[in-house]
Amino acid sequence: MSKNEVDFSNLFLEKDKNYMFITYLTFAAGIFIPFLPIVGVILAYLKRSEVIGTFYHDHLTYLIRTFWGALIGGFIATLLVIVVIGKLLLPLLWIWYLFRIIYGFIRLLDRQSVTTTGWLR
């Protein structure tokens, strides 16, 4: 390839990588700003069909599952606060959410896929 030619394949990969960083960032910032994971899951749903066959697809599926797991788990734990067990479940849910975001982001930085079938990792 000459100096004047542009490698568009790398440009598209870089664009997808930046999109993934932004999506993970919205989930991570959701710890402090509660509505941001909603933005993140919308971003994940919008991009997922475009990256089928890449490890980005697995990451987006992973984030979508993280969102729904946290939302449903938070709802159940909040209901169970009445019988005290919810007070134990809410911190565990927070730790689970934080772990999944950090684990997924590290795997993304290493350009590795994540398991989309498990709920822990």
Protein backbone atom coordinates (compact mmCIF):
# COMPACT_ATOMS: atom_id res chain seq x y z
CA MET A 1 0.00 0.00 0.00
CA SER A 2 1.37 3.43 -0.94
CA LYS A 3 1.55 6.48 1.32
CA ASN A 4 -1.54 8.02 -0.26
CA GLU A 5 -3.81 4.99 0.18
CA VAL A 6 -6.02 4.75 3.23
CA ASP A 7 -6.69 1.42 4.93
CA PHE A 8 -10.43 1.71 5.60
CA SER A 9 -10.66 -1.69 7.31
CA ASN A 10 -8.57 -0.38 10.21
CA LEU A 11 -10.64 2.80 10.27
CA PHE A 12 -13.86 0.80 10.72
CA LEU A 13 -12.27 -1.38 13.40
CA GLU A 14 -11.12 1.74 15.24
CA LYS A 15 -14.62 3.21 15.01
CA ASP A 16 -16.12 0.03 16.48
CA LYS A 17 -13.52 0.02 19.25
CA ASN A 18 -14.33 3.62 20.17
CA TYR A 19 -18.05 2.78 20.16
CA MET A 20 -17.37 -0.10 22.55
CA PHE A 21 -15.36 2.14 24.88
CA ILE A 22 -18.21 4.65 24.99
CA THR A 23 -20.74 1.89 25.64
CA TYR A 24 -18.69 0.44 28.51
CA LEU A 25 -18.16 3.97 29.85
CA THR A 26 -21.91 4.61 30.00
CA PHE A 27 -22.37 1.40 31.99
CA ALA A 28 -19.50 2.27 34.35
CA ALA A 29 -20.72 5.83 34.86
CA GLY A 30 -24.13 4.36 35.64
CA ILE A 31 -22.78 3.57 39.10
CA PHE A 32 -22.88 7.32 39.78
CA ILE A 33 -25.52 8.51 37.29
CA PRO A 34 -28.37 5.97 37.30
CA PHE A 35 -29.91 6.68 33.87
CA LEU A 36 -26.68 6.13 31.91
CA PRO A 37 -26.97 2.33 31.68
CA ILE A 38 -30.24 2.93 29.81
CA VAL A 39 -28.24 4.94 27.27
CA GLY A 40 -25.63 2.16 27.22
CA VAL A 41 -28.13 -0.61 26.56
CA ILE A 42 -29.70 1.43 23.74
CA LEU A 43 -26.23 1.88 22.21
CA ALA A 44 -25.61 -1.87 22.58
CA TYR A 45 -28.87 -2.81 20.89
CA LEU A 46 -28.28 -0.33 18.04
CA LYS A 47 -24.78 -1.60 17.21
CA ARG A 48 -25.09 -5.34 17.91
CA SER A 49 -26.47 -6.34 14.50
CA GLU A 50 -23.66 -4.45 12.72
CA VAL A 51 -20.86 -6.39 14.41
CA ILE A 52 -22.13 -9.97 14.07
CA GLY A 53 -19.21 -12.35 13.71
CA THR A 54 -16.79 -10.21 15.72
CA PHE A 55 -15.88 -10.31 19.37
CA TYR A 56 -17.63 -6.93 19.70
CA HIS A 57 -20.95 -8.75 19.23
CA ASP A 58 -20.22 -10.90 22.28
CA HIS A 59 -19.34 -7.81 24.33
CA LEU A 60 -22.57 -6.07 23.36
CA THR A 61 -24.63 -9.16 24.21
CA TYR A 62 -22.74 -9.35 27.52
CA LEU A 63 -23.59 -5.72 28.31
CA ILE A 64 -27.24 -6.20 27.39
CA ARG A 65 -27.45 -9.20 29.72
CA THR A 66 -25.69 -7.19 32.44
CA PHE A 67 -28.27 -4.42 32.10
CA TRP A 68 -31.28 -6.72 32.30
CA GLY A 69 -29.77 -8.79 35.10
CA ALA A 70 -29.06 -5.67 37.15
CA LEU A 71 -32.49 -4.19 36.47
CA ILE A 72 -34.42 -7.34 37.38
CA GLY A 73 -32.09 -8.13 40.29
CA GLY A 74 -32.43 -4.58 41.60
CA PHE A 75 -36.20 -4.75 41.40
CA ILE A 76 -36.34 -8.07 43.28
CA ALA A 77 -33.79 -6.95 45.89
CA THR A 78 -35.71 -3.71 46.45
CA LEU A 79 -38.91 -5.66 47.03
CA LEU A 80 -37.07 -7.94 49.46
CA VAL A 81 -35.76 -5.03 51.54
CA ILE A 82 -39.02 -5.38 53.47
CA VAL A 83 -37.91 -8.79 54.75
CA VAL A 84 -34.31 -7.65 55.34
CA ILE A 85 -32.66 -10.02 52.83
CA GLY A 86 -32.85 -7.28 50.21
CA LYS A 87 -30.41 -5.23 52.28
CA LEU A 88 -27.89 -8.00 51.71
CA LEU A 89 -28.77 -8.53 48.06
CA LEU A 90 -28.42 -4.90 46.95
CA PRO A 91 -24.68 -4.65 47.81
CA LEU A 92 -24.08 -8.06 46.23
CA LEU A 93 -25.86 -6.90 43.09
CA TRP A 94 -23.71 -3.75 43.01
CA ILE A 95 -20.53 -5.86 43.33
CA TRP A 96 -21.75 -8.22 40.57
CA TYR A 97 -22.49 -5.28 38.25
CA LEU A 98 -19.13 -3.65 38.94
CA PHE A 99 -17.28 -6.94 38.41
CA ARG A 100 -18.98 -7.57 35.05
CA ILE A 101 -18.19 -4.08 33.78
CA ILE A 102 -14.53 -4.23 34.85
CA TYR A 103 -14.08 -7.82 33.62
CA GLY A 104 -15.69 -7.06 30.26
CA PHE A 105 -13.68 -3.87 29.77
CA ILE A 106 -10.40 -5.65 30.54
CA ARG A 107 -11.29 -8.38 28.05
CA LEU A 108 -12.13 -5.68 25.48
CA LEU A 109 -8.75 -4.00 26.03
CA ASP A 110 -7.08 -7.39 25.50
CA ARG A 111 -9.17 -7.84 22.32
CA GLN A 112 -10.72 -11.02 23.74
CA SER A 113 -14.29 -12.20 23.72
CA VAL A 114 -16.50 -12.62 26.78
CA THR A 115 -18.85 -15.48 27.63
CA THR A 116 -22.38 -14.53 26.71
CA THR A 117 -24.10 -17.52 28.31
CA GLY A 118 -22.97 -17.17 31.92
CA TRP A 119 -24.29 -14.70 34.47
CA LEU A 120 -21.17 -14.40 36.61
CA ARG A 121 -18.52 -13.66 33.98
